[in-house]
Every structure is written in structure tokens, then in C-alpha cells.
Amino acid sequence: MVDMTTLARWLRHGSTGSWHRKRQFPTGTLTRIEAAIHACESLHPGEIRFAVEAALPLSAIWHGLSPRDRALEVFAQHRVWDTEHNNGVLIYVLLADRDVEIVADRGVGNARVPAAEWQSCCQLMEEAFRAGRFEQGSLAGIAAVAAVLTKYPPAQADAGNEMPDQPLLL
């Protein structure tokens, strides 16, 4: 028997397609996100990746894949961990669940940064997204992550721009 929460989530993901992502994150918005990532990386030694996914496959919903679990998969699949000083940070947006997750590598992770700092960044973005302000929320979230990385800099010096700044569209 399927509970109502799973059924509602299944319906949200089934009705959210790439057209939804394109409407919330048009080309101009993606360009400004890329520019914001590039600009803020000069302020700290972290590497930021921004990923947007419209919805998960229905089989993933059926098996209970959480947004956090999916963010961890994306972090690994796109090798955000593969930086010289383990300073990669993924900002993962799952539109169908209206959820933002941040995954930070061990050089900038929870051992160095209180989890509440990352959660605050997520909540800032989620609040803007609920109001339909996807570009503003994304840019504010990137700035908030940059502020965290400036406040809690990785122990190692910056190794340069090791990852593409262009958002990942999943």
C-alpha cells in the first residue's frame, strides 16, 4: 500500500518536466548564475557547482530516494569531490520537491562548517523559490555559500578554478 505522501510526491515528479526547469531557469538566468559563481570564487578558495534537476524518475520516488540522497549521487557522479584540496561544494536544486541541498567536500564540510550555516543557505533559496524568484534566490544562495566559505576558509590555499562554473542541468 502506498501512503499519501509518497503518492503526492510521485504525482509532483510525474508532472514536472524539463519545460518547468527551462521556465524557472531560462538561458539568461543560467548565464547570470555562471557569472556569479565565477565572481564569488575569487573571494574564497572553494569550488562551487550549481545543479538543477526538474524531477526524479518515478522509480526513484517509488524506492524512496530523498533529495539529500540524490544530491550525494550528483556530488559523486559529477566529481565535485575531485579538487586538489577537497574544497568542492554542490548546490543541488530539485524543483519537483521544492528542495535545495548543499553537499560540501571534507575540506569545507561539516567538520569545518556548522551544518546550520549550510541549512541557512538552503532556506534562503527555498524561501525565494516559493515566491517564484528563482534567479534572485539562486544568486542570493551562491552569495550566501561564498560568505560561508569566506568565513570558514579551507585550510589549503586556492588551487585555481578547477571546476566549470556553468550550472549543471540534470
C-alpha atoms as a PDB file:
ATOM      1  CA  MET A   1       0.000   0.000   0.000  1.00  0.00           C
ATOM      2  CA  VAL A   2       1.346   3.437  -0.950  1.00  0.00           C
ATOM      3  CA  ASP A   3       0.953   6.229   1.576  1.00  0.00           C
ATOM      4  CA  MET A   4      -0.462   9.606   0.559  1.00  0.00           C
ATOM      5  CA  THR A   5       2.875  11.402   0.942  1.00  0.00           C
ATOM      6  CA  THR A   6       4.570   9.025  -1.498  1.00  0.00           C
ATOM      7  CA  LEU A   7       1.639   9.271  -3.911  1.00  0.00           C
ATOM      8  CA  ALA A   8       1.685  13.090  -3.799  1.00  0.00           C
ATOM      9  CA  ARG A   9       5.441  13.112  -4.390  1.00  0.00           C
ATOM     10  CA  TRP A  10       5.066  10.630  -7.242  1.00  0.00           C
ATOM     11  CA  LEU A  11       2.440  12.883  -8.874  1.00  0.00           C
ATOM     12  CA  ARG A  12       4.598  16.026  -8.446  1.00  0.00           C
ATOM     13  CA  HIS A  13       7.582  14.365 -10.079  1.00  0.00           C
ATOM     14  CA  GLY A  14       5.464  12.828 -12.822  1.00  0.00           C
ATOM     15  CA  SER A  15       4.019  16.216 -13.737  1.00  0.00           C
ATOM     16  CA  THR A  16       7.265  18.226 -13.547  1.00  0.00           C
ATOM     17  CA  GLY A  17       9.318  18.101 -16.726  1.00  0.00           C
ATOM     18  CA  SER A  18      12.276  19.807 -18.336  1.00  0.00           C
ATOM     19  CA  TRP A  19       9.909  22.537 -19.568  1.00  0.00           C
ATOM     20  CA  HIS A  20       9.445  23.516 -15.909  1.00  0.00           C
ATOM     21  CA  ARG A  21      13.206  23.819 -15.422  1.00  0.00           C
ATOM     22  CA  LYS A  22      13.520  25.888 -18.613  1.00  0.00           C
ATOM     23  CA  ARG A  23      10.777  28.227 -17.444  1.00  0.00           C
ATOM     24  CA  GLN A  24      12.275  28.741 -13.967  1.00  0.00           C
ATOM     25  CA  PHE A  25      15.893  28.782 -15.168  1.00  0.00           C
ATOM     26  CA  PRO A  26      15.990  30.311 -18.673  1.00  0.00           C
ATOM     27  CA  THR A  27      19.253  30.849 -20.523  1.00  0.00           C
ATOM     28  CA  GLY A  28      19.749  34.381 -19.167  1.00  0.00           C
ATOM     29  CA  THR A  29      19.350  33.179 -15.590  1.00  0.00           C
ATOM     30  CA  LEU A  30      21.817  30.344 -16.152  1.00  0.00           C
ATOM     31  CA  THR A  31      24.328  32.826 -17.590  1.00  0.00           C
ATOM     32  CA  ARG A  32      23.975  35.080 -14.534  1.00  0.00           C
ATOM     33  CA  ILE A  33      24.366  32.081 -12.192  1.00  0.00           C
ATOM     34  CA  GLU A  34      27.561  31.111 -14.013  1.00  0.00           C
ATOM     35  CA  ALA A  35      28.882  34.679 -13.738  1.00  0.00           C
ATOM     36  CA  ALA A  36      28.032  34.818 -10.020  1.00  0.00           C
ATOM     37  CA  ILE A  37      29.886  31.571  -9.356  1.00  0.00           C
ATOM     38  CA  HIS A  38      32.903  32.792 -11.301  1.00  0.00           C
ATOM     39  CA  ALA A  39      32.943  36.141  -9.483  1.00  0.00           C
ATOM     40  CA  CYS A  40      32.477  34.768  -5.973  1.00  0.00           C
ATOM     41  CA  GLU A  41      35.171  32.110  -6.360  1.00  0.00           C
ATOM     42  CA  SER A  42      37.743  34.911  -6.363  1.00  0.00           C
ATOM     43  CA  LEU A  43      36.687  35.662  -2.756  1.00  0.00           C
ATOM     44  CA  HIS A  44      37.395  32.224  -1.282  1.00  0.00           C
ATOM     45  CA  PRO A  45      39.313  29.016  -2.072  1.00  0.00           C
ATOM     46  CA  GLY A  46      36.177  26.863  -2.546  1.00  0.00           C
ATOM     47  CA  GLU A  47      34.768  25.425  -5.791  1.00  0.00           C
ATOM     48  CA  ILE A  48      31.002  25.796  -6.268  1.00  0.00           C
ATOM     49  CA  ARG A  49      28.865  23.668  -8.609  1.00  0.00           C
ATOM     50  CA  PHE A  50      25.201  24.547  -9.087  1.00  0.00           C
ATOM     51  CA  ALA A  51      22.861  21.792 -10.303  1.00  0.00           C
ATOM     52  CA  VAL A  52      19.167  21.974 -11.214  1.00  0.00           C
ATOM     53  CA  GLU A  53      17.005  18.907 -11.679  1.00  0.00           C
ATOM     54  CA  ALA A  54      13.339  19.189 -12.589  1.00  0.00           C
ATOM     55  CA  ALA A  55      12.224  15.821 -11.233  1.00  0.00           C
ATOM     56  CA  LEU A  56      13.430  12.352 -10.381  1.00  0.00           C
ATOM     57  CA  PRO A  57      12.472   9.224 -12.305  1.00  0.00           C
ATOM     58  CA  LEU A  58       9.323   7.710 -10.859  1.00  0.00           C
ATOM     59  CA  SER A  59      11.232   4.538  -9.975  1.00  0.00           C
ATOM     60  CA  ALA A  60      13.484   6.616  -7.697  1.00  0.00           C
ATOM     61  CA  ILE A  61      10.420   8.035  -5.945  1.00  0.00           C
ATOM     62  CA  TRP A  62       8.968   4.544  -5.589  1.00  0.00           C
ATOM     63  CA  HIS A  63      12.196   3.410  -3.910  1.00  0.00           C
ATOM     64  CA  GLY A  64      12.186   6.410  -1.567  1.00  0.00           C
ATOM     65  CA  LEU A  65      15.182   8.332  -2.911  1.00  0.00           C
ATOM     66  CA  SER A  66      15.374  11.555  -0.910  1.00  0.00           C
ATOM     67  CA  PRO A  67      16.583  14.887  -2.289  1.00  0.00           C
ATOM     68  CA  ARG A  68      19.628  14.578   0.007  1.00  0.00           C
ATOM     69  CA  ASP A  69      20.457  11.122  -1.338  1.00  0.00           C
ATOM     70  CA  ARG A  70      20.124  12.405  -4.907  1.00  0.00           C
ATOM     71  CA  ALA A  71      22.376  15.373  -4.100  1.00  0.00           C
ATOM     72  CA  LEU A  72      25.007  12.960  -2.802  1.00  0.00           C
ATOM     73  CA  GLU A  73      24.719  10.954  -6.042  1.00  0.00           C
ATOM     74  CA  VAL A  74      25.152  14.100  -8.156  1.00  0.00           C
ATOM     75  CA  PHE A  75      28.111  15.164  -6.000  1.00  0.00           C
ATOM     76  CA  ALA A  76      29.797  11.829  -6.760  1.00  0.00           C
ATOM     77  CA  GLN A  77      28.711  11.434 -10.404  1.00  0.00           C
ATOM     78  CA  HIS A  78      29.931  14.902 -11.355  1.00  0.00           C
ATOM     79  CA  ARG A  79      33.090  14.541  -9.283  1.00  0.00           C
ATOM     80  CA  VAL A  80      32.561  17.670  -7.196  1.00  0.00           C
ATOM     81  CA  TRP A  81      34.845  15.976  -4.670  1.00  0.00           C
ATOM     82  CA  ASP A  82      37.673  15.836  -7.228  1.00  0.00           C
ATOM     83  CA  THR A  83      39.547  19.019  -6.333  1.00  0.00           C
ATOM     84  CA  GLU A  84      43.134  19.307  -5.182  1.00  0.00           C
ATOM     85  CA  HIS A  85      42.172  20.450  -1.674  1.00  0.00           C
ATOM     86  CA  ASN A  86      38.784  18.710  -1.283  1.00  0.00           C
ATOM     87  CA  ASN A  87      37.021  22.061  -1.377  1.00  0.00           C
ATOM     88  CA  GLY A  88      34.075  21.363  -3.698  1.00  0.00           C
ATOM     89  CA  VAL A  89      30.556  22.463  -2.773  1.00  0.00           C
ATOM     90  CA  LEU A  90      27.435  21.362  -4.626  1.00  0.00           C
ATOM     91  CA  ILE A  91      24.253  23.426  -4.538  1.00  0.00           C
ATOM     92  CA  TYR A  92      21.555  20.997  -5.706  1.00  0.00           C
ATOM     93  CA  VAL A  93      18.048  22.201  -6.605  1.00  0.00           C
ATOM     94  CA  LEU A  94      15.234  19.644  -7.040  1.00  0.00           C
ATOM     95  CA  LEU A  95      12.299  21.579  -8.444  1.00  0.00           C
ATOM     96  CA  ALA A  96       9.572  18.930  -8.015  1.00  0.00           C
ATOM     97  CA  ASP A  97      10.274  18.663  -4.271  1.00  0.00           C
ATOM     98  CA  ARG A  98      10.964  22.401  -3.933  1.00  0.00           C
ATOM     99  CA  ASP A  99      14.151  21.400  -2.152  1.00  0.00           C
ATOM    100  CA  VAL A 100      17.712  22.713  -2.043  1.00  0.00           C
ATOM    101  CA  GLU A 101      20.566  20.606  -0.707  1.00  0.00           C
ATOM    102  CA  ILE A 102      24.195  21.582  -0.185  1.00  0.00           C
ATOM    103  CA  VAL A 103      26.898  18.921  -0.167  1.00  0.00           C
ATOM    104  CA  ALA A 104      30.391  20.023   0.826  1.00  0.00           C
ATOM    105  CA  ASP A 105      33.589  18.027   0.478  1.00  0.00           C
ATOM    106  CA  ARG A 106      35.637  17.279   3.588  1.00  0.00           C
ATOM    107  CA  GLY A 107      37.938  20.293   3.102  1.00  0.00           C
ATOM    108  CA  VAL A 108      34.953  22.621   3.569  1.00  0.00           C
ATOM    109  CA  GLY A 109      32.445  20.212   5.096  1.00  0.00           C
ATOM    110  CA  ASN A 110      30.689  19.939   8.409  1.00  0.00           C
ATOM    111  CA  ALA A 111      33.923  19.266  10.291  1.00  0.00           C
ATOM    112  CA  ARG A 112      34.840  22.875   9.478  1.00  0.00           C
ATOM    113  CA  VAL A 113      31.421  24.464   8.935  1.00  0.00           C
ATOM    114  CA  PRO A 114      28.443  24.080  11.273  1.00  0.00           C
ATOM    115  CA  ALA A 115      25.559  22.332   9.482  1.00  0.00           C
ATOM    116  CA  ALA A 116      23.302  25.258  10.432  1.00  0.00           C
ATOM    117  CA  GLU A 117      25.353  27.525   8.146  1.00  0.00           C
ATOM    118  CA  TRP A 118      24.643  25.344   5.099  1.00  0.00           C
ATOM    119  CA  GLN A 119      20.996  24.919   6.139  1.00  0.00           C
ATOM    120  CA  SER A 120      20.619  28.691   6.321  1.00  0.00           C
ATOM    121  CA  CYS A 121      21.845  28.960   2.714  1.00  0.00           C
ATOM    122  CA  CYS A 122      19.303  26.328   1.633  1.00  0.00           C
ATOM    123  CA  GLN A 123      16.435  28.023   3.463  1.00  0.00           C
ATOM    124  CA  LEU A 124      17.280  31.382   1.884  1.00  0.00           C
ATOM    125  CA  MET A 125      16.996  29.853  -1.579  1.00  0.00           C
ATOM    126  CA  GLU A 126      13.888  27.775  -0.809  1.00  0.00           C
ATOM    127  CA  GLU A 127      12.076  30.854   0.505  1.00  0.00           C
ATOM    128  CA  ALA A 128      12.803  32.807  -2.679  1.00  0.00           C
ATOM    129  CA  PHE A 129      11.819  29.822  -4.843  1.00  0.00           C
ATOM    130  CA  ARG A 130       8.456  29.519  -3.033  1.00  0.00           C
ATOM    131  CA  ALA A 131       7.841  33.149  -4.009  1.00  0.00           C
ATOM    132  CA  GLY A 132       8.708  32.364  -7.641  1.00  0.00           C
ATOM    133  CA  ARG A 133      12.004  34.276  -7.547  1.00  0.00           C
ATOM    134  CA  PHE A 134      14.311  31.586  -8.915  1.00  0.00           C
ATOM    135  CA  GLU A 135      17.048  33.824 -10.268  1.00  0.00           C
ATOM    136  CA  GLN A 136      17.183  36.045  -7.193  1.00  0.00           C
ATOM    137  CA  GLY A 137      17.106  33.019  -4.889  1.00  0.00           C
ATOM    138  CA  SER A 138      19.885  31.293  -6.795  1.00  0.00           C
ATOM    139  CA  LEU A 139      22.118  34.361  -6.800  1.00  0.00           C
ATOM    140  CA  ALA A 140      21.441  35.004  -3.106  1.00  0.00           C
ATOM    141  CA  GLY A 141      22.212  31.343  -2.339  1.00  0.00           C
ATOM    142  CA  ILE A 142      25.504  31.477  -4.225  1.00  0.00           C
ATOM    143  CA  ALA A 143      26.433  34.663  -2.344  1.00  0.00           C
ATOM    144  CA  ALA A 144      25.490  33.002   0.967  1.00  0.00           C
ATOM    145  CA  VAL A 145      27.631  29.940   0.196  1.00  0.00           C
ATOM    146  CA  ALA A 146      30.502  32.266  -0.747  1.00  0.00           C
ATOM    147  CA  ALA A 147      30.072  34.060   2.593  1.00  0.00           C
ATOM    148  CA  VAL A 148      30.264  30.723   4.441  1.00  0.00           C
ATOM    149  CA  LEU A 149      33.405  29.761   2.512  1.00  0.00           C
ATOM    150  CA  THR A 150      34.930  33.145   3.318  1.00  0.00           C
ATOM    151  CA  LYS A 151      34.020  32.814   6.998  1.00  0.00           C
ATOM    152  CA  TYR A 152      35.318  29.215   7.201  1.00  0.00           C
ATOM    153  CA  PRO A 153      38.044  29.086   4.565  1.00  0.00           C
ATOM    154  CA  PRO A 154      39.532  25.737   3.611  1.00  0.00           C
ATOM    155  CA  ALA A 155      42.887  25.066   5.243  1.00  0.00           C
ATOM    156  CA  GLN A 156      44.642  24.953   1.867  1.00  0.00           C
ATOM    157  CA  ALA A 157      45.272  27.848  -0.499  1.00  0.00           C
ATOM    158  CA  ASP A 158      43.206  28.151  -3.663  1.00  0.00           C
ATOM    159  CA  ALA A 159      44.391  25.892  -6.488  1.00  0.00           C
ATOM    160  CA  GLY A 160      42.621  27.951  -9.156  1.00  0.00           C
ATOM    161  CA  ASN A 161      39.334  27.345 -10.938  1.00  0.00           C
ATOM    162  CA  GLU A 162      39.203  23.538 -11.004  1.00  0.00           C
ATOM    163  CA  MET A 163      35.551  23.073 -11.995  1.00  0.00           C
ATOM    164  CA  PRO A 164      33.278  24.556 -14.633  1.00  0.00           C
ATOM    165  CA  ASP A 165      31.182  27.457 -13.368  1.00  0.00           C
ATOM    166  CA  GLN A 166      28.327  26.660 -15.750  1.00  0.00           C
ATOM    167  CA  PRO A 167      25.254  25.221 -13.970  1.00  0.00           C
ATOM    168  CA  LEU A 168      24.531  21.517 -14.410  1.00  0.00           C
ATOM    169  CA  LEU A 169      21.124  20.811 -15.928  1.00  0.00           C
ATOM    170  CA  LEU A 170      20.053  17.318 -14.964  1.00  0.00           C
END
